[in-house]
Amino acid sequence: MRLCARCLGVYPGIAVGLGLFLFGVFNSHQLLLVALLPMPALVDWTVTHLRTPDGRNAIRTATGTLLGVGYGIGLGQLVLGREPVVLLVGLCYGALAGLALLADSAVDRSR
């Protein structure tokens, strides 16, 4: 079974993020990390889909790790910390990804 380069970073990153949450590391900045850590993965994904489909696996793994850490901290905040604002962050990223897909679709139609 093959595992994509980004997922190779996401899954261990989730474990690290949950650990950071459980041990209270970055306690006062956790929501900020949840909001910022996924951004490099979204940018990398958008760029590789819109411009250069043959991106680098090392970059995908690194951005996937940051994404996973953000997921892990967010999961801890949502489930254990009962911070519903994490859902808002997720919805915003979902909207941004949707816009990127629309842009990708528009680029494909123009070719």
N, C-alpha and C. Protein backbone atom coordinates (compact mmCIF):
# COMPACT_ATOMS: atom_id res chain seq x y z
N MET A 1 0.85 -1.17 0.00
CA MET A 1 0.00 0.00 0.00
C MET A 1 0.90 1.24 0.00
N ARG A 2 0.60 2.14 -0.88
CA ARG A 2 1.38 3.38 -0.98
C ARG A 2 0.79 4.44 -0.06
N LEU A 3 1.65 5.29 0.43
CA LEU A 3 1.25 6.40 1.28
C LEU A 3 1.81 7.67 0.67
N CYS A 4 0.95 8.67 0.48
CA CYS A 4 1.44 9.90 -0.14
C CYS A 4 2.40 10.62 0.81
N ALA A 5 3.25 11.45 0.23
CA ALA A 5 4.27 12.15 1.00
C ALA A 5 3.66 13.06 2.06
N ARG A 6 2.57 13.75 1.73
CA ARG A 6 1.96 14.64 2.70
C ARG A 6 1.37 13.85 3.88
N CYS A 7 0.71 12.74 3.56
CA CYS A 7 0.13 11.90 4.62
C CYS A 7 1.23 11.31 5.51
N LEU A 8 2.41 11.07 4.95
CA LEU A 8 3.53 10.57 5.73
C LEU A 8 3.89 11.53 6.85
N GLY A 9 3.66 12.81 6.64
CA GLY A 9 3.89 13.80 7.69
C GLY A 9 2.67 14.05 8.55
N VAL A 10 1.48 13.94 7.96
CA VAL A 10 0.25 14.27 8.70
C VAL A 10 0.04 13.34 9.89
N TYR A 11 0.15 12.05 9.69
CA TYR A 11 -0.20 11.10 10.76
C TYR A 11 0.72 11.20 11.98
N PRO A 12 2.05 11.22 11.81
CA PRO A 12 2.88 11.44 13.00
C PRO A 12 2.67 12.84 13.59
N GLY A 13 2.39 13.81 12.71
CA GLY A 13 2.14 15.17 13.18
C GLY A 13 0.93 15.24 14.10
N ILE A 14 -0.11 14.48 13.81
CA ILE A 14 -1.30 14.45 14.67
C ILE A 14 -0.90 13.95 16.06
N ALA A 15 -0.10 12.89 16.11
CA ALA A 15 0.35 12.36 17.40
C ALA A 15 1.16 13.40 18.17
N VAL A 16 2.05 14.09 17.47
CA VAL A 16 2.85 15.14 18.12
C VAL A 16 1.95 16.27 18.62
N GLY A 17 0.99 16.69 17.78
CA GLY A 17 0.07 17.77 18.17
C GLY A 17 -0.76 17.40 19.39
N LEU A 18 -1.26 16.17 19.42
CA LEU A 18 -2.02 15.73 20.60
C LEU A 18 -1.13 15.72 21.84
N GLY A 19 0.11 15.27 21.67
CA GLY A 19 1.05 15.29 22.79
C GLY A 19 1.31 16.71 23.28
N LEU A 20 1.52 17.63 22.36
CA LEU A 20 1.74 19.03 22.75
C LEU A 20 0.53 19.56 23.51
N PHE A 21 -0.67 19.21 23.04
CA PHE A 21 -1.88 19.66 23.72
C PHE A 21 -1.96 19.06 25.13
N LEU A 22 -1.77 17.75 25.22
CA LEU A 22 -1.92 17.07 26.51
C LEU A 22 -0.90 17.52 27.55
N PHE A 23 0.31 17.86 27.09
CA PHE A 23 1.34 18.32 28.02
C PHE A 23 1.31 19.83 28.23
N GLY A 24 0.37 20.50 27.60
CA GLY A 24 0.19 21.93 27.83
C GLY A 24 1.26 22.81 27.20
N VAL A 25 1.98 22.28 26.23
CA VAL A 25 3.00 23.07 25.55
C VAL A 25 2.28 24.11 24.68
N PHE A 26 2.79 25.30 24.66
CA PHE A 26 2.19 26.40 23.90
C PHE A 26 0.75 26.67 24.35
N ASN A 27 0.46 26.48 25.61
CA ASN A 27 -0.90 26.60 26.13
C ASN A 27 -1.61 27.87 25.69
N SER A 28 -0.94 29.00 25.81
CA SER A 28 -1.60 30.27 25.50
C SER A 28 -1.64 30.55 24.00
N HIS A 29 -0.93 29.76 23.19
CA HIS A 29 -0.87 30.02 21.75
C HIS A 29 -1.47 28.88 20.92
N GLN A 30 -2.18 27.96 21.55
CA GLN A 30 -2.65 26.79 20.82
C GLN A 30 -3.63 27.14 19.70
N LEU A 31 -4.55 28.02 19.94
CA LEU A 31 -5.51 28.38 18.89
C LEU A 31 -4.80 29.06 17.71
N LEU A 32 -3.82 29.87 18.01
CA LEU A 32 -3.04 30.51 16.94
C LEU A 32 -2.31 29.45 16.11
N LEU A 33 -1.75 28.43 16.77
CA LEU A 33 -1.08 27.36 16.05
C LEU A 33 -2.06 26.57 15.18
N VAL A 34 -3.26 26.32 15.71
CA VAL A 34 -4.28 25.62 14.94
C VAL A 34 -4.64 26.42 13.69
N ALA A 35 -4.63 27.72 13.81
CA ALA A 35 -4.98 28.58 12.68
C ALA A 35 -3.84 28.71 11.67
N LEU A 36 -2.59 28.67 12.12
CA LEU A 36 -1.47 28.95 11.22
C LEU A 36 -0.75 27.72 10.67
N LEU A 37 -0.67 26.65 11.45
CA LEU A 37 0.12 25.50 11.01
C LEU A 37 -0.39 24.82 9.73
N PRO A 38 -1.69 24.78 9.46
CA PRO A 38 -2.14 24.18 8.21
C PRO A 38 -1.88 25.03 6.96
N MET A 39 -1.60 26.31 7.13
CA MET A 39 -1.45 27.20 5.99
C MET A 39 -0.37 26.76 4.99
N PRO A 40 0.83 26.35 5.43
CA PRO A 40 1.83 25.93 4.44
C PRO A 40 1.35 24.75 3.58
N ALA A 41 0.61 23.82 4.16
CA ALA A 41 0.11 22.68 3.39
C ALA A 41 -0.92 23.13 2.36
N LEU A 42 -1.78 24.06 2.75
CA LEU A 42 -2.78 24.57 1.80
C LEU A 42 -2.10 25.32 0.66
N VAL A 43 -1.10 26.12 0.99
CA VAL A 43 -0.38 26.87 -0.05
C VAL A 43 0.35 25.89 -0.98
N ASP A 44 1.05 24.92 -0.40
CA ASP A 44 1.77 23.94 -1.22
C ASP A 44 0.81 23.15 -2.11
N TRP A 45 -0.30 22.71 -1.54
CA TRP A 45 -1.28 21.96 -2.32
C TRP A 45 -1.83 22.81 -3.47
N THR A 46 -2.14 24.06 -3.17
CA THR A 46 -2.69 24.96 -4.19
C THR A 46 -1.68 25.20 -5.30
N VAL A 47 -0.45 25.48 -4.93
CA VAL A 47 0.59 25.76 -5.92
C VAL A 47 0.85 24.53 -6.79
N THR A 48 0.93 23.35 -6.17
CA THR A 48 1.22 22.16 -6.97
C THR A 48 0.05 21.79 -7.87
N HIS A 49 -1.16 22.14 -7.49
CA HIS A 49 -2.30 21.84 -8.36
C HIS A 49 -2.51 22.89 -9.44
N LEU A 50 -2.20 24.12 -9.15
CA LEU A 50 -2.45 25.19 -10.12
C LEU A 50 -1.27 25.45 -11.04
N ARG A 51 -0.07 25.23 -10.56
CA ARG A 51 1.09 25.66 -11.36
C ARG A 51 2.04 24.52 -11.71
N THR A 52 2.58 23.86 -10.70
CA THR A 52 3.60 22.84 -10.93
C THR A 52 3.17 21.53 -10.30
N PRO A 53 2.56 20.65 -11.07
CA PRO A 53 2.05 19.41 -10.50
C PRO A 53 3.13 18.48 -9.95
N ASP A 54 4.37 18.67 -10.34
CA ASP A 54 5.43 17.80 -9.84
C ASP A 54 6.21 18.48 -8.72
N GLY A 55 5.53 18.68 -7.59
CA GLY A 55 6.17 19.28 -6.41
C GLY A 55 7.16 18.32 -5.78
N ARG A 56 7.80 18.75 -4.74
CA ARG A 56 8.81 17.97 -4.06
C ARG A 56 8.21 17.22 -2.86
N ASN A 57 8.53 15.94 -2.77
CA ASN A 57 7.99 15.13 -1.68
C ASN A 57 8.48 15.60 -0.31
N ALA A 58 9.71 16.09 -0.22
CA ALA A 58 10.22 16.57 1.08
C ALA A 58 9.39 17.76 1.56
N ILE A 59 9.00 18.63 0.65
CA ILE A 59 8.17 19.78 1.02
C ILE A 59 6.78 19.30 1.41
N ARG A 60 6.25 18.34 0.66
CA ARG A 60 4.93 17.79 1.01
C ARG A 60 4.94 17.16 2.40
N THR A 61 6.00 16.42 2.72
CA THR A 61 6.08 15.78 4.03
C THR A 61 6.21 16.82 5.14
N ALA A 62 7.03 17.84 4.91
CA ALA A 62 7.22 18.89 5.92
C ALA A 62 5.92 19.66 6.16
N THR A 63 5.25 20.04 5.07
CA THR A 63 4.00 20.79 5.26
C THR A 63 2.91 19.88 5.83
N GLY A 64 2.95 18.60 5.48
CA GLY A 64 2.01 17.64 6.05
C GLY A 64 2.23 17.48 7.55
N THR A 65 3.48 17.51 7.98
CA THR A 65 3.77 17.42 9.41
C THR A 65 3.20 18.62 10.16
N LEU A 66 3.40 19.81 9.61
CA LEU A 66 2.83 21.01 10.23
C LEU A 66 1.30 20.92 10.27
N LEU A 67 0.71 20.45 9.18
CA LEU A 67 -0.73 20.27 9.12
C LEU A 67 -1.19 19.29 10.20
N GLY A 68 -0.48 18.18 10.33
CA GLY A 68 -0.83 17.18 11.34
C GLY A 68 -0.72 17.71 12.76
N VAL A 69 0.33 18.49 13.04
CA VAL A 69 0.47 19.08 14.38
C VAL A 69 -0.72 20.01 14.65
N GLY A 70 -1.09 20.80 13.65
CA GLY A 70 -2.26 21.66 13.80
C GLY A 70 -3.52 20.85 14.03
N TYR A 71 -3.68 19.75 13.29
CA TYR A 71 -4.83 18.86 13.48
C TYR A 71 -4.85 18.30 14.90
N GLY A 72 -3.70 17.83 15.36
CA GLY A 72 -3.62 17.22 16.69
C GLY A 72 -3.96 18.20 17.80
N ILE A 73 -3.40 19.38 17.73
CA ILE A 73 -3.71 20.41 18.73
C ILE A 73 -5.18 20.79 18.65
N GLY A 74 -5.68 20.96 17.43
CA GLY A 74 -7.09 21.31 17.24
C GLY A 74 -8.02 20.23 17.75
N LEU A 75 -7.66 18.98 17.50
CA LEU A 75 -8.48 17.87 17.99
C LEU A 75 -8.53 17.87 19.51
N GLY A 76 -7.39 18.08 20.12
CA GLY A 76 -7.35 18.17 21.58
C GLY A 76 -8.19 19.32 22.10
N GLN A 77 -8.07 20.45 21.44
CA GLN A 77 -8.86 21.61 21.87
C GLN A 77 -10.35 21.38 21.69
N LEU A 78 -10.73 20.75 20.60
CA LEU A 78 -12.13 20.54 20.32
C LEU A 78 -12.75 19.49 21.24
N VAL A 79 -12.09 18.36 21.36
CA VAL A 79 -12.67 17.24 22.11
C VAL A 79 -12.43 17.37 23.62
N LEU A 80 -11.21 17.66 24.00
CA LEU A 80 -10.89 17.70 25.42
C LEU A 80 -11.02 19.09 26.03
N GLY A 81 -10.71 20.11 25.25
CA GLY A 81 -10.77 21.47 25.76
C GLY A 81 -12.09 22.15 25.50
N ARG A 82 -12.94 21.49 24.71
CA ARG A 82 -14.26 22.02 24.39
C ARG A 82 -14.19 23.47 23.89
N GLU A 83 -13.36 23.65 22.87
CA GLU A 83 -13.19 24.96 22.23
C GLU A 83 -13.87 24.93 20.85
N PRO A 84 -15.13 25.31 20.76
CA PRO A 84 -15.83 25.22 19.48
C PRO A 84 -15.29 26.16 18.41
N VAL A 85 -14.50 27.15 18.78
CA VAL A 85 -13.94 28.07 17.79
C VAL A 85 -13.02 27.33 16.82
N VAL A 86 -12.51 26.16 17.23
CA VAL A 86 -11.68 25.35 16.35
C VAL A 86 -12.48 24.95 15.10
N LEU A 87 -13.77 24.72 15.26
CA LEU A 87 -14.62 24.41 14.11
C LEU A 87 -14.65 25.56 13.11
N LEU A 88 -14.65 26.77 13.61
CA LEU A 88 -14.63 27.94 12.73
C LEU A 88 -13.34 27.98 11.91
N VAL A 89 -12.23 27.67 12.55
CA VAL A 89 -10.95 27.62 11.83
C VAL A 89 -11.04 26.57 10.73
N GLY A 90 -11.59 25.40 11.06
CA GLY A 90 -11.74 24.35 10.07
C GLY A 90 -12.64 24.75 8.92
N LEU A 91 -13.73 25.43 9.23
CA LEU A 91 -14.63 25.91 8.17
C LEU A 91 -13.94 26.92 7.27
N CYS A 92 -13.14 27.78 7.84
CA CYS A 92 -12.40 28.76 7.03
C CYS A 92 -11.43 28.05 6.08
N TYR A 93 -10.71 27.05 6.58
CA TYR A 93 -9.80 26.29 5.71
C TYR A 93 -10.58 25.53 4.65
N GLY A 94 -11.73 24.99 5.01
CA GLY A 94 -12.56 24.31 4.02
C GLY A 94 -12.99 25.26 2.92
N ALA A 95 -13.36 26.48 3.29
CA ALA A 95 -13.75 27.48 2.29
C ALA A 95 -12.58 27.85 1.40
N LEU A 96 -11.40 28.02 1.99
CA LEU A 96 -10.21 28.34 1.19
C LEU A 96 -9.87 27.21 0.22
N ALA A 97 -9.97 25.97 0.70
CA ALA A 97 -9.70 24.82 -0.18
C ALA A 97 -10.73 24.76 -1.30
N GLY A 98 -11.99 25.05 -0.98
CA GLY A 98 -13.03 25.08 -2.01
C GLY A 98 -12.75 26.13 -3.06
N LEU A 99 -12.31 27.30 -2.63
CA LEU A 99 -11.96 28.35 -3.59
C LEU A 99 -10.77 27.92 -4.46
N ALA A 100 -9.81 27.23 -3.86
CA ALA A 100 -8.67 26.75 -4.63
C ALA A 100 -9.12 25.72 -5.67
N LEU A 101 -10.06 24.86 -5.30
CA LEU A 101 -10.59 23.89 -6.26
C LEU A 101 -11.34 24.57 -7.39
N LEU A 102 -12.08 25.62 -7.06
CA LEU A 102 -12.77 26.38 -8.10
C LEU A 102 -11.77 27.03 -9.05
N ALA A 103 -10.72 27.58 -8.50
CA ALA A 103 -9.68 28.20 -9.33
C ALA A 103 -9.02 27.15 -10.21
N ASP A 104 -8.76 25.97 -9.64
CA ASP A 104 -8.16 24.88 -10.40
C ASP A 104 -9.07 24.46 -11.55
N SER A 105 -10.37 24.39 -11.28
CA SER A 105 -11.34 24.04 -12.30
C SER A 105 -11.38 25.08 -13.40
N ALA A 106 -11.31 26.35 -13.03
CA ALA A 106 -11.30 27.43 -14.01
C ALA A 106 -10.05 27.38 -14.88
N VAL A 107 -8.92 27.06 -14.29
CA VAL A 107 -7.67 26.95 -15.05
C VAL A 107 -7.77 25.79 -16.03
N ASP A 108 -8.32 24.66 -15.59
CA ASP A 108 -8.47 23.50 -16.47
C ASP A 108 -9.38 23.81 -17.66
N ARG A 109 -10.44 24.56 -17.43
CA ARG A 109 -11.37 24.89 -18.52
C ARG A 109 -10.74 25.84 -19.54
N SER A 110 -9.82 26.67 -19.07
CA SER A 110 -9.21 27.64 -19.98
C SER A 110 -8.11 27.02 -20.84
N ARG A 111 -7.69 25.80 -20.53
CA ARG A 111 -6.60 25.16 -21.29
C ARG A 111 -7.11 24.48 -22.50
